[in-house]
Every structure is written in structure tokens, then in C-alpha cells.
Amino acid sequence: MIYKLSDKQLVAQIKIKVKEEKEIIVEVLSYLEEIDRRKLFVDYGASSLFKFCTRVLKYSDAEAAIRVKTVRAIKAAPIIKQKIQDGSLNLTTAASIYSFLKNNRIKNRSKLVEHVCGRSSKEVKNILNSLSKNPPPRGLKITLTEHLLKKLEKVGRDFDDCSELEVIECLIDKYIEQTEHSKAKRASSQKSKNQRYITREVKESVDKRANNRCEGFSPVTGDRCTSRVNLQYDHFRPISLGGDSSAENIRKLCFGCNQRAAVKAIGVDKMMQRDSTTLSPGVEYYLEQTDTGLQCSFIPPGR
């Protein structure tokens, strides 16, 4: 029993447990990496890795967010996994690195990781802020009054388990779709020769059937996907395999379900070759170690 250990034994034992804990964390991250690579979360009724972590693995939102960001960070800079395992990097720092890399295309990413290893969260934040050449992603904070919150809650009942932000995004998407349909009615009705082209009439028919919700189904639970954001038109039977652009062959899928369907159709390796969404495009920089610290320099176009 723990209470029978001597002081020396107690410290020695906890060091062993901490080492084991780090190894387990890295193992969990490896599992999450592979689940994300296969988009396997879709089969369990989750439209994203984050929702898989919260719904299936029962992580809290904060726990899920930091693990998903760490998985993305490892994909961008594989050295991060090794640094987490040896204890010189924690999940918080890994998540911060991902957020930085998402907004700044950095060469020598390994050098950046090495530079922040063993530093406090405050130090890491200051370093990344000093290196950042891009402004932080644009955002808008708004405060909803009580009567607007009540209206949002009432509308949200028709959106299953979507968050307030997802409900707002769904409503905006629906308005944009309606506006685009109105513009399409005024445009030329000439039929496109592109076999992949989906006519306005087909889109309207599919929209009505889908009712602003992903039409994907989980093969594990048999439940329909609950996602209502980032919906895309998809050919159930690909054009290359004889499919057409009729309403019967068009379905509306969320990004996750669409990716999973592609993985099943063409294989995960080909999907990985096509996948360029790990980091958003941005200005490219290189890192250089100087006497005053790590410096970030602009790479002119064409180099």
C-alpha cells in the first residue's frame, strides 16, 4: 500500500508512474492519429475527431480540444511526439505550436519545437507571439441579450445536439443557400456539359430531403449523422463508376462523412496524398538561431 512506503520509495515510485503516464499519453495520441487518418470517427456517429473524443471517449471539451490540437501538431511536426514522451514537451505547448503553425508556414519546424522545449507556457506564448508574422485569426465576440438567447434556444431544439455557435452557422448557411438559389433562378438555364454539374432543381430536391442535415449513417450504431454544418453535395455512386448527377445519386454529407466515404472508396493512403488541410496556407518563413534567440525571416516568393 502507498501509505506504507518510505519517503524515498514514494518519490521513486511516482517518478516511475509519471514515466508510464507519458508513455500512455503518447500511445493514446497514436491511436487518435490513426482514427483521424482513417476518418473512423464518422462510423461512430461523430462528424469530427473532437466529437469522437467527447461523445465516444467521454473526454471533456477542454481535454478533447487539447488532444486534437496535439494530434494535428504531430502531423505537422512529428518530432513533437518524441518530445512529449521524453517529458520535454507537454500537451498545452504542443497545442500552442499547432495554433501557431496553422497561421504561419514555418520551415525548420523541428528547430521551433526544440527551442520551446522545457519552457513554461508563458515563455512559449511570448516566443510564438514574437515569431508570428501574421495577425491572429479574425474573430468577433458578441453578447446575446436574454430574449435573443431564448430565441436561439427555441431554434436550437430543431438542431439536435448542435452547439449555439453551430446553430448560428446553420442558420447563416441556410440563408446563403436560399440567396444563391434565388440568384440561380435569374441566371441562364443552359445545361452544363460537365457530368459532375448539379442542377439547381436537383440541389433543391436534395436540400428538401436532407432538411439541412448530413445524410450520412453510422454503420456501427445505425444512427444518422447529426451534423448540420459544412454540408457538401456528394455523388453516392461516383461519376467514374457510372454515377450521374440526379437527385437519387446526390446526397448531402458533412465534411467528415464525405472524407470517410472517400477513404472507403479510394483508400486511406490515396486520401492522405490528397489531404492538404493540415495547415492553412500562409506566408512562408524560415527560423534561424542567433545570439539573441530564434529569429523568423520571410522567404520571398519563388525561392
C-alpha atoms as a PDB file:
ATOM      1  CA  MET A   1       0.000   0.000   0.000  1.00  0.00           C
ATOM      2  CA  ILE A   2       1.135   3.535  -0.740  1.00  0.00           C
ATOM      3  CA  TYR A   3       0.922   4.710   2.873  1.00  0.00           C
ATOM      4  CA  LYS A   4       3.464   2.045   3.885  1.00  0.00           C
ATOM      5  CA  LEU A   5       6.147   3.377   1.505  1.00  0.00           C
ATOM      6  CA  SER A   6       9.067   5.352   2.871  1.00  0.00           C
ATOM      7  CA  ASP A   7       9.594   8.930   1.664  1.00  0.00           C
ATOM      8  CA  LYS A   8      12.359   7.785  -0.681  1.00  0.00           C
ATOM      9  CA  GLN A   9      10.265   4.924  -2.053  1.00  0.00           C
ATOM     10  CA  LEU A  10       7.259   7.194  -2.536  1.00  0.00           C
ATOM     11  CA  VAL A  11       9.200   9.655  -4.708  1.00  0.00           C
ATOM     12  CA  ALA A  12      10.898   6.838  -6.626  1.00  0.00           C
ATOM     13  CA  GLN A  13       7.541   5.165  -7.347  1.00  0.00           C
ATOM     14  CA  ILE A  14       5.830   8.333  -8.531  1.00  0.00           C
ATOM     15  CA  LYS A  15       8.699   9.013 -10.947  1.00  0.00           C
ATOM     16  CA  ILE A  16       8.083   5.582 -12.450  1.00  0.00           C
ATOM     17  CA  LYS A  17       4.329   6.241 -12.680  1.00  0.00           C
ATOM     18  CA  VAL A  18       4.883   9.635 -14.331  1.00  0.00           C
ATOM     19  CA  LYS A  19       7.106   7.999 -16.941  1.00  0.00           C
ATOM     20  CA  GLU A  20       4.445   5.358 -17.563  1.00  0.00           C
ATOM     21  CA  GLU A  21       1.819   8.090 -17.796  1.00  0.00           C
ATOM     22  CA  LYS A  22       3.768   9.892 -20.532  1.00  0.00           C
ATOM     23  CA  GLU A  23       4.129   6.647 -22.462  1.00  0.00           C
ATOM     24  CA  ILE A  24       0.398   6.034 -22.202  1.00  0.00           C
ATOM     25  CA  ILE A  25      -0.354   9.583 -23.408  1.00  0.00           C
ATOM     26  CA  VAL A  26       1.835   9.060 -26.478  1.00  0.00           C
ATOM     27  CA  GLU A  27       0.121   5.729 -27.130  1.00  0.00           C
ATOM     28  CA  VAL A  28      -3.317   7.368 -26.885  1.00  0.00           C
ATOM     29  CA  LEU A  29      -2.196  10.090 -29.299  1.00  0.00           C
ATOM     30  CA  SER A  30      -1.014   7.402 -31.742  1.00  0.00           C
ATOM     31  CA  TYR A  31      -4.441   5.760 -31.631  1.00  0.00           C
ATOM     32  CA  LEU A  32      -6.139   9.111 -32.193  1.00  0.00           C
ATOM     33  CA  GLU A  33      -3.780   9.813 -35.121  1.00  0.00           C
ATOM     34  CA  GLU A  34      -4.795   6.592 -36.851  1.00  0.00           C
ATOM     35  CA  ILE A  35      -8.510   7.112 -36.141  1.00  0.00           C
ATOM     36  CA  ASP A  36      -8.197  10.579 -37.658  1.00  0.00           C
ATOM     37  CA  ARG A  37      -6.236   9.261 -40.653  1.00  0.00           C
ATOM     38  CA  ARG A  38      -8.997   6.782 -41.439  1.00  0.00           C
ATOM     39  CA  LYS A  39     -11.763   9.270 -40.536  1.00  0.00           C
ATOM     40  CA  LEU A  40     -13.056   6.350 -38.481  1.00  0.00           C
ATOM     41  CA  PHE A  41     -14.872   8.677 -36.071  1.00  0.00           C
ATOM     42  CA  VAL A  42     -17.620   9.018 -38.691  1.00  0.00           C
ATOM     43  CA  ASP A  43     -18.604   5.354 -38.240  1.00  0.00           C
ATOM     44  CA  TYR A  44     -19.394   6.122 -34.607  1.00  0.00           C
ATOM     45  CA  GLY A  45     -21.759   8.991 -35.332  1.00  0.00           C
ATOM     46  CA  ALA A  46     -19.198  11.762 -34.829  1.00  0.00           C
ATOM     47  CA  SER A  47     -18.594  14.330 -37.554  1.00  0.00           C
ATOM     48  CA  SER A  48     -15.113  15.195 -36.250  1.00  0.00           C
ATOM     49  CA  LEU A  49     -12.301  13.785 -34.144  1.00  0.00           C
ATOM     50  CA  PHE A  50     -13.216  16.298 -31.442  1.00  0.00           C
ATOM     51  CA  LYS A  51     -16.777  14.987 -31.201  1.00  0.00           C
ATOM     52  CA  PHE A  52     -15.481  11.414 -31.180  1.00  0.00           C
ATOM     53  CA  CYS A  53     -13.311  12.309 -28.191  1.00  0.00           C
ATOM     54  CA  THR A  54     -16.197  13.896 -26.285  1.00  0.00           C
ATOM     55  CA  ARG A  55     -19.033  11.525 -27.212  1.00  0.00           C
ATOM     56  CA  VAL A  56     -17.315   8.151 -27.514  1.00  0.00           C
ATOM     57  CA  LEU A  57     -14.206   8.542 -25.357  1.00  0.00           C
ATOM     58  CA  LYS A  58     -16.002  10.805 -22.834  1.00  0.00           C
ATOM     59  CA  TYR A  59     -13.303  13.465 -22.639  1.00  0.00           C
ATOM     60  CA  SER A  60     -14.379  16.923 -21.526  1.00  0.00           C
ATOM     61  CA  ASP A  61     -14.420  19.630 -24.213  1.00  0.00           C
ATOM     62  CA  ALA A  62     -11.123  21.049 -22.930  1.00  0.00           C
ATOM     63  CA  GLU A  63      -9.451  17.622 -22.767  1.00  0.00           C
ATOM     64  CA  ALA A  64     -10.662  16.755 -26.261  1.00  0.00           C
ATOM     65  CA  ALA A  65      -9.572  20.084 -27.761  1.00  0.00           C
ATOM     66  CA  ILE A  66      -6.005  19.845 -26.468  1.00  0.00           C
ATOM     67  CA  ARG A  67      -5.609  16.257 -27.689  1.00  0.00           C
ATOM     68  CA  VAL A  68      -6.997  17.004 -31.137  1.00  0.00           C
ATOM     69  CA  LYS A  69      -4.670  20.006 -31.497  1.00  0.00           C
ATOM     70  CA  THR A  70      -1.746  17.854 -30.354  1.00  0.00           C
ATOM     71  CA  VAL A  71      -2.587  15.216 -32.978  1.00  0.00           C
ATOM     72  CA  ARG A  72      -2.623  17.946 -35.630  1.00  0.00           C
ATOM     73  CA  ALA A  73       0.663  19.322 -34.289  1.00  0.00           C
ATOM     74  CA  ILE A  74       2.314  15.887 -34.512  1.00  0.00           C
ATOM     75  CA  LYS A  75       1.149  15.592 -38.099  1.00  0.00           C
ATOM     76  CA  ALA A  76       2.812  18.938 -38.862  1.00  0.00           C
ATOM     77  CA  ALA A  77       5.979  18.241 -36.834  1.00  0.00           C
ATOM     78  CA  PRO A  78       6.457  14.531 -35.948  1.00  0.00           C
ATOM     79  CA  ILE A  79       9.272  15.357 -33.507  1.00  0.00           C
ATOM     80  CA  ILE A  80       6.597  16.570 -31.087  1.00  0.00           C
ATOM     81  CA  LYS A  81       5.584  13.001 -30.225  1.00  0.00           C
ATOM     82  CA  GLN A  82       9.135  12.154 -29.159  1.00  0.00           C
ATOM     83  CA  LYS A  83       9.382  15.320 -27.064  1.00  0.00           C
ATOM     84  CA  ILE A  84       6.129  14.538 -25.267  1.00  0.00           C
ATOM     85  CA  GLN A  85       7.372  11.051 -24.497  1.00  0.00           C
ATOM     86  CA  ASP A  86      10.680  12.236 -23.043  1.00  0.00           C
ATOM     87  CA  GLY A  87       8.878  14.851 -20.954  1.00  0.00           C
ATOM     88  CA  SER A  88      10.381  17.976 -22.503  1.00  0.00           C
ATOM     89  CA  LEU A  89       7.071  18.994 -24.087  1.00  0.00           C
ATOM     90  CA  ASN A  90       3.523  18.893 -22.729  1.00  0.00           C
ATOM     91  CA  LEU A  91       0.162  18.808 -24.484  1.00  0.00           C
ATOM     92  CA  THR A  92      -0.515  22.504 -23.801  1.00  0.00           C
ATOM     93  CA  THR A  93       2.688  23.549 -25.559  1.00  0.00           C
ATOM     94  CA  ALA A  94       2.033  21.136 -28.440  1.00  0.00           C
ATOM     95  CA  ALA A  95      -1.433  22.653 -28.896  1.00  0.00           C
ATOM     96  CA  SER A  96       0.086  26.161 -28.879  1.00  0.00           C
ATOM     97  CA  ILE A  97       2.593  25.113 -31.554  1.00  0.00           C
ATOM     98  CA  TYR A  98      -0.242  23.827 -33.742  1.00  0.00           C
ATOM     99  CA  SER A  99      -2.167  27.100 -33.398  1.00  0.00           C
ATOM    100  CA  PHE A 100       0.987  28.998 -34.368  1.00  0.00           C
ATOM    101  CA  LEU A 101       1.822  26.773 -37.354  1.00  0.00           C
ATOM    102  CA  LYS A 102      -1.739  26.989 -38.606  1.00  0.00           C
ATOM    103  CA  ASN A 103      -1.308  30.732 -39.076  1.00  0.00           C
ATOM    104  CA  ASN A 104       2.385  30.768 -40.062  1.00  0.00           C
ATOM    105  CA  ARG A 105       4.027  28.462 -42.582  1.00  0.00           C
ATOM    106  CA  ILE A 106       7.371  27.791 -40.938  1.00  0.00           C
ATOM    107  CA  LYS A 107      10.297  25.875 -42.343  1.00  0.00           C
ATOM    108  CA  ASN A 108      12.595  24.110 -39.837  1.00  0.00           C
ATOM    109  CA  ARG A 109       9.638  23.194 -37.637  1.00  0.00           C
ATOM    110  CA  SER A 110      11.863  20.843 -35.655  1.00  0.00           C
ATOM    111  CA  LYS A 111      14.041  23.806 -34.690  1.00  0.00           C
ATOM    112  CA  LEU A 112      10.995  25.633 -33.384  1.00  0.00           C
ATOM    113  CA  VAL A 113       9.964  22.612 -31.308  1.00  0.00           C
ATOM    114  CA  GLU A 114      13.471  22.252 -29.890  1.00  0.00           C
ATOM    115  CA  HIS A 115      13.517  25.944 -28.994  1.00  0.00           C
ATOM    116  CA  VAL A 116      10.344  25.822 -26.876  1.00  0.00           C
ATOM    117  CA  CYS A 117      11.045  22.507 -25.155  1.00  0.00           C
ATOM    118  CA  GLY A 118      11.278  22.732 -21.379  1.00  0.00           C
ATOM    119  CA  ARG A 119       9.845  26.259 -21.246  1.00  0.00           C
ATOM    120  CA  SER A 120       6.822  27.464 -19.315  1.00  0.00           C
ATOM    121  CA  SER A 121       3.508  28.160 -21.046  1.00  0.00           C
ATOM    122  CA  LYS A 122       4.067  31.910 -20.619  1.00  0.00           C
ATOM    123  CA  GLU A 123       7.534  31.718 -22.182  1.00  0.00           C
ATOM    124  CA  VAL A 124       6.210  29.665 -25.100  1.00  0.00           C
ATOM    125  CA  LYS A 125       3.408  32.158 -25.685  1.00  0.00           C
ATOM    126  CA  ASN A 126       5.873  35.069 -25.739  1.00  0.00           C
ATOM    127  CA  ILE A 127       8.215  33.245 -28.126  1.00  0.00           C
ATOM    128  CA  LEU A 128       5.423  32.346 -30.567  1.00  0.00           C
ATOM    129  CA  ASN A 129       3.998  35.871 -30.433  1.00  0.00           C
ATOM    130  CA  SER A 130       7.431  37.319 -31.232  1.00  0.00           C
ATOM    131  CA  LEU A 131       7.849  34.985 -34.213  1.00  0.00           C
ATOM    132  CA  SER A 132       4.359  35.412 -35.632  1.00  0.00           C
ATOM    133  CA  LYS A 133       4.265  37.352 -38.894  1.00  0.00           C
ATOM    134  CA  ASN A 134       0.532  37.050 -39.344  1.00  0.00           C
ATOM    135  CA  PRO A 135      -2.194  38.690 -37.261  1.00  0.00           C
ATOM    136  CA  PRO A 136      -4.284  36.329 -35.135  1.00  0.00           C
ATOM    137  CA  PRO A 137      -7.324  34.813 -36.896  1.00  0.00           C
ATOM    138  CA  ARG A 138     -10.142  37.297 -37.112  1.00  0.00           C
ATOM    139  CA  GLY A 139     -12.913  36.784 -34.628  1.00  0.00           C
ATOM    140  CA  LEU A 140     -15.905  38.630 -33.295  1.00  0.00           C
ATOM    141  CA  LYS A 141     -17.173  38.481 -29.741  1.00  0.00           C
ATOM    142  CA  ILE A 142     -20.831  39.309 -29.261  1.00  0.00           C
ATOM    143  CA  THR A 143     -23.093  39.318 -26.246  1.00  0.00           C
ATOM    144  CA  LEU A 144     -26.583  37.974 -26.795  1.00  0.00           C
ATOM    145  CA  THR A 145     -29.392  39.532 -24.816  1.00  0.00           C
ATOM    146  CA  GLU A 146     -31.763  37.360 -22.816  1.00  0.00           C
ATOM    147  CA  HIS A 147     -34.571  37.492 -25.380  1.00  0.00           C
ATOM    148  CA  LEU A 148     -32.156  36.544 -28.202  1.00  0.00           C
ATOM    149  CA  LEU A 149     -30.851  33.640 -26.131  1.00  0.00           C
ATOM    150  CA  LYS A 150     -34.415  32.399 -25.685  1.00  0.00           C
ATOM    151  CA  LYS A 151     -34.995  32.598 -29.441  1.00  0.00           C
ATOM    152  CA  LEU A 152     -31.727  30.749 -30.087  1.00  0.00           C
ATOM    153  CA  GLU A 153     -32.695  28.063 -27.589  1.00  0.00           C
ATOM    154  CA  LYS A 154     -36.070  27.647 -29.294  1.00  0.00           C
ATOM    155  CA  VAL A 155     -34.469  27.319 -32.727  1.00  0.00           C
ATOM    156  CA  GLY A 156     -31.801  25.006 -31.329  1.00  0.00           C
ATOM    157  CA  ARG A 157     -34.395  22.362 -30.446  1.00  0.00           C
ATOM    158  CA  ASP A 158     -34.592  21.521 -34.140  1.00  0.00           C
ATOM    159  CA  PHE A 159     -30.818  21.140 -34.418  1.00  0.00           C
ATOM    160  CA  ASP A 160     -30.268  18.093 -32.204  1.00  0.00           C
ATOM    161  CA  ASP A 161     -27.093  18.426 -30.126  1.00  0.00           C
ATOM    162  CA  CYS A 162     -25.517  21.302 -32.048  1.00  0.00           C
ATOM    163  CA  SER A 163     -23.797  23.996 -30.015  1.00  0.00           C
ATOM    164  CA  GLU A 164     -25.087  27.570 -30.051  1.00  0.00           C
ATOM    165  CA  LEU A 165     -22.316  28.525 -32.490  1.00  0.00           C
ATOM    166  CA  GLU A 166     -23.199  25.639 -34.813  1.00  0.00           C
ATOM    167  CA  VAL A 167     -26.868  26.652 -34.748  1.00  0.00           C
ATOM    168  CA  ILE A 168     -25.926  30.192 -35.781  1.00  0.00           C
ATOM    169  CA  GLU A 169     -23.689  28.826 -38.542  1.00  0.00           C
ATOM    170  CA  CYS A 170     -26.512  26.556 -39.779  1.00  0.00           C
ATOM    171  CA  LEU A 171     -28.908  29.484 -39.996  1.00  0.00           C
ATOM    172  CA  ILE A 172     -26.352  31.558 -41.907  1.00  0.00           C
ATOM    173  CA  ASP A 173     -25.633  28.639 -44.271  1.00  0.00           C
ATOM    174  CA  LYS A 174     -29.351  28.232 -44.909  1.00  0.00           C
ATOM    175  CA  TYR A 175     -29.713  31.938 -45.732  1.00  0.00           C
ATOM    176  CA  ILE A 176     -26.730  31.780 -48.115  1.00  0.00           C
ATOM    177  CA  GLU A 177     -28.194  28.730 -49.864  1.00  0.00           C
ATOM    178  CA  GLN A 178     -31.547  30.421 -50.316  1.00  0.00           C
ATOM    179  CA  THR A 179     -29.850  33.550 -51.678  1.00  0.00           C
ATOM    180  CA  GLU A 180     -27.768  31.528 -54.122  1.00  0.00           C
ATOM    181  CA  HIS A 181     -30.857  29.624 -55.283  1.00  0.00           C
ATOM    182  CA  SER A 182     -32.629  32.916 -55.943  1.00  0.00           C
ATOM    183  CA  LYS A 183     -29.676  34.144 -57.989  1.00  0.00           C
ATOM    184  CA  ALA A 184     -29.564  30.856 -59.888  1.00  0.00           C
ATOM    185  CA  LYS A 185     -33.214  31.234 -60.897  1.00  0.00           C
ATOM    186  CA  ARG A 186     -32.370  34.556 -62.528  1.00  0.00           C
ATOM    187  CA  ALA A 187     -29.319  33.120 -64.268  1.00  0.00           C
ATOM    188  CA  SER A 188     -29.190  31.236 -67.545  1.00  0.00           C
ATOM    189  CA  SER A 189     -30.918  27.842 -67.541  1.00  0.00           C
ATOM    190  CA  GLN A 190     -28.479  26.410 -70.117  1.00  0.00           C
ATOM    191  CA  LYS A 191     -27.476  22.891 -69.098  1.00  0.00           C
ATOM    192  CA  SER A 192     -23.817  22.297 -68.361  1.00  0.00           C
ATOM    193  CA  LYS A 193     -21.952  19.594 -70.263  1.00  0.00           C
ATOM    194  CA  ASN A 194     -19.969  18.746 -67.136  1.00  0.00           C
ATOM    195  CA  GLN A 195     -21.238  15.396 -65.828  1.00  0.00           C
ATOM    196  CA  ARG A 196     -20.446  16.460 -62.277  1.00  0.00           C
ATOM    197  CA  TYR A 197     -22.587  19.589 -62.552  1.00  0.00           C
ATOM    198  CA  ILE A 198     -25.575  19.508 -60.203  1.00  0.00           C
ATOM    199  CA  THR A 199     -28.572  21.494 -61.382  1.00  0.00           C
ATOM    200  CA  ARG A 200     -30.473  23.918 -59.192  1.00  0.00           C
ATOM    201  CA  GLU A 201     -33.545  21.672 -59.305  1.00  0.00           C
ATOM    202  CA  VAL A 202     -31.548  18.671 -58.063  1.00  0.00           C
ATOM    203  CA  LYS A 203     -29.962  20.727 -55.274  1.00  0.00           C
ATOM    204  CA  GLU A 204     -33.368  21.959 -54.146  1.00  0.00           C
ATOM    205  CA  SER A 205     -34.724  18.399 -54.142  1.00  0.00           C
ATOM    206  CA  VAL A 206     -31.743  17.121 -52.133  1.00  0.00           C
ATOM    207  CA  ASP A 207     -31.936  20.072 -49.723  1.00  0.00           C
ATOM    208  CA  LYS A 208     -35.587  19.356 -49.047  1.00  0.00           C
ATOM    209  CA  ARG A 209     -34.892  15.676 -48.453  1.00  0.00           C
ATOM    210  CA  ALA A 210     -31.849  16.311 -46.249  1.00  0.00           C
ATOM    211  CA  ASN A 211     -33.614  19.044 -44.247  1.00  0.00           C
ATOM    212  CA  ASN A 212     -30.339  20.884 -43.645  1.00  0.00           C
ATOM    213  CA  ARG A 213     -28.706  17.834 -42.052  1.00  0.00           C
ATOM    214  CA  CYS A 214     -25.993  15.384 -43.074  1.00  0.00           C
ATOM    215  CA  GLU A 215     -27.396  12.261 -44.738  1.00  0.00           C
ATOM    216  CA  GLY A 216     -24.579  10.013 -43.571  1.00  0.00           C
ATOM    217  CA  PHE A 217     -25.342   6.982 -41.388  1.00  0.00           C
ATOM    218  CA  SER A 218     -23.145   5.253 -38.836  1.00  0.00           C
ATOM    219  CA  PRO A 219     -22.514   1.599 -39.792  1.00  0.00           C
ATOM    220  CA  VAL A 220     -21.830   0.902 -36.105  1.00  0.00           C
ATOM    221  CA  THR A 221     -24.903   2.422 -34.458  1.00  0.00           C
ATOM    222  CA  GLY A 222     -27.180   2.764 -37.482  1.00  0.00           C
ATOM    223  CA  ASP A 223     -27.929   6.353 -36.485  1.00  0.00           C
ATOM    224  CA  ARG A 224     -27.995   9.247 -38.896  1.00  0.00           C
ATOM    225  CA  CYS A 225     -25.243  11.846 -38.561  1.00  0.00           C
ATOM    226  CA  THR A 226     -26.387  14.876 -36.557  1.00  0.00           C
ATOM    227  CA  SER A 227     -24.055  17.401 -38.197  1.00  0.00           C
ATOM    228  CA  ARG A 228     -25.627  20.457 -39.800  1.00  0.00           C
ATOM    229  CA  VAL A 229     -22.507  22.452 -40.640  1.00  0.00           C
ATOM    230  CA  ASN A 230     -20.040  22.263 -43.546  1.00  0.00           C
ATOM    231  CA  LEU A 231     -22.525  20.273 -45.646  1.00  0.00           C
ATOM    232  CA  GLN A 232     -21.408  19.292 -49.153  1.00  0.00           C
ATOM    233  CA  TYR A 233     -23.093  17.704 -52.167  1.00  0.00           C
ATOM    234  CA  ASP A 234     -21.675  14.251 -52.871  1.00  0.00           C
ATOM    235  CA  HIS A 235     -22.202  11.671 -55.628  1.00  0.00           C
ATOM    236  CA  PHE A 236     -23.251   8.440 -53.915  1.00  0.00           C
ATOM    237  CA  ARG A 237     -22.072   6.450 -56.930  1.00  0.00           C
ATOM    238  CA  PRO A 238     -19.012   8.236 -58.385  1.00  0.00           C
ATOM    239  CA  ILE A 239     -19.186   9.567 -61.928  1.00  0.00           C
ATOM    240  CA  SER A 240     -16.111   7.465 -62.747  1.00  0.00           C
ATOM    241  CA  LEU A 241     -18.107   4.339 -61.834  1.00  0.00           C
ATOM    242  CA  GLY A 242     -21.144   5.226 -63.896  1.00  0.00           C
ATOM    243  CA  GLY A 243     -22.948   7.512 -61.468  1.00  0.00           C
ATOM    244  CA  ASP A 244     -24.866  10.602 -62.551  1.00  0.00           C
ATOM    245  CA  SER A 245     -25.963  13.909 -61.053  1.00  0.00           C
ATOM    246  CA  SER A 246     -29.586  13.005 -60.462  1.00  0.00           C
ATOM    247  CA  ALA A 247     -31.299  13.642 -57.144  1.00  0.00           C
ATOM    248  CA  GLU A 248     -31.262   9.893 -56.461  1.00  0.00           C
ATOM    249  CA  ASN A 249     -27.464   9.803 -56.723  1.00  0.00           C
ATOM    250  CA  ILE A 250     -26.740  13.052 -54.882  1.00  0.00           C
ATOM    251  CA  ARG A 251     -26.608  13.236 -51.111  1.00  0.00           C
ATOM    252  CA  LYS A 252     -25.635  15.886 -48.623  1.00  0.00           C
ATOM    253  CA  LEU A 253     -22.755  14.990 -46.351  1.00  0.00           C
ATOM    254  CA  CYS A 254     -20.806  16.889 -43.725  1.00  0.00           C
ATOM    255  CA  PHE A 255     -17.060  17.227 -44.297  1.00  0.00           C
ATOM    256  CA  GLY A 256     -16.280  14.288 -42.002  1.00  0.00           C
ATOM    257  CA  CYS A 257     -18.744  11.886 -43.625  1.00  0.00           C
ATOM    258  CA  ASN A 258     -17.579  12.970 -47.074  1.00  0.00           C
ATOM    259  CA  GLN A 259     -13.956  12.293 -46.133  1.00  0.00           C
ATOM    260  CA  ARG A 260     -14.820   8.894 -44.640  1.00  0.00           C
ATOM    261  CA  ALA A 261     -16.743   7.935 -47.784  1.00  0.00           C
ATOM    262  CA  ALA A 262     -13.699   8.858 -49.874  1.00  0.00           C
ATOM    263  CA  VAL A 263     -11.425   6.800 -47.618  1.00  0.00           C
ATOM    264  CA  LYS A 264     -13.662   3.776 -48.136  1.00  0.00           C
ATOM    265  CA  ALA A 265     -13.827   4.388 -51.903  1.00  0.00           C
ATOM    266  CA  ILE A 266     -10.174   5.083 -52.762  1.00  0.00           C
ATOM    267  CA  GLY A 267      -8.261   4.021 -49.635  1.00  0.00           C
ATOM    268  CA  VAL A 268      -6.681   5.928 -46.787  1.00  0.00           C
ATOM    269  CA  ASP A 269      -3.232   6.234 -48.410  1.00  0.00           C
ATOM    270  CA  LYS A 270      -4.564   7.965 -51.523  1.00  0.00           C
ATOM    271  CA  MET A 271      -6.654  10.226 -49.323  1.00  0.00           C
ATOM    272  CA  MET A 272      -3.557  11.193 -47.349  1.00  0.00           C
ATOM    273  CA  GLN A 273      -1.816  12.138 -50.598  1.00  0.00           C
ATOM    274  CA  ARG A 274      -4.738  14.388 -51.490  1.00  0.00           C
ATOM    275  CA  ASP A 275      -5.094  15.811 -47.990  1.00  0.00           C
ATOM    276  CA  SER A 276      -3.622  19.290 -47.822  1.00  0.00           C
ATOM    277  CA  THR A 277      -5.797  20.613 -44.990  1.00  0.00           C
ATOM    278  CA  THR A 278      -3.387  20.028 -42.096  1.00  0.00           C
ATOM    279  CA  LEU A 279      -2.312  23.639 -42.049  1.00  0.00           C
ATOM    280  CA  SER A 280      -3.879  26.650 -43.651  1.00  0.00           C
ATOM    281  CA  PRO A 281      -1.890  28.426 -46.387  1.00  0.00           C
ATOM    282  CA  GLY A 282       0.073  31.422 -45.298  1.00  0.00           C
ATOM    283  CA  VAL A 283       3.301  33.331 -45.815  1.00  0.00           C
ATOM    284  CA  GLU A 284       6.367  31.093 -45.569  1.00  0.00           C
ATOM    285  CA  TYR A 285       9.247  31.786 -43.159  1.00  0.00           C
ATOM    286  CA  TYR A 286      12.425  30.106 -42.001  1.00  0.00           C
ATOM    287  CA  LEU A 287      13.899  30.021 -38.500  1.00  0.00           C
ATOM    288  CA  GLU A 288      17.482  30.884 -37.618  1.00  0.00           C
ATOM    289  CA  GLN A 289      19.257  30.624 -34.278  1.00  0.00           C
ATOM    290  CA  THR A 290      21.112  33.845 -33.402  1.00  0.00           C
ATOM    291  CA  ASP A 291      22.864  35.246 -30.338  1.00  0.00           C
ATOM    292  CA  THR A 292      19.643  36.958 -29.292  1.00  0.00           C
ATOM    293  CA  GLY A 293      17.420  33.927 -29.775  1.00  0.00           C
ATOM    294  CA  LEU A 294      15.367  32.325 -32.532  1.00  0.00           C
ATOM    295  CA  GLN A 295      14.686  34.713 -35.399  1.00  0.00           C
ATOM    296  CA  CYS A 296      11.989  34.371 -38.049  1.00  0.00           C
ATOM    297  CA  SER A 297      12.704  35.613 -41.597  1.00  0.00           C
ATOM    298  CA  PHE A 298      10.485  35.994 -44.654  1.00  0.00           C
ATOM    299  CA  ILE A 299      11.039  33.684 -47.650  1.00  0.00           C
ATOM    300  CA  PRO A 300      10.468  35.648 -50.895  1.00  0.00           C
ATOM    301  CA  PRO A 301       8.055  34.052 -53.395  1.00  0.00           C
ATOM    302  CA  GLY A 302       9.678  31.644 -55.815  1.00  0.00           C
ATOM    303  CA  ARG A 303      12.512  30.534 -53.559  1.00  0.00           C
END
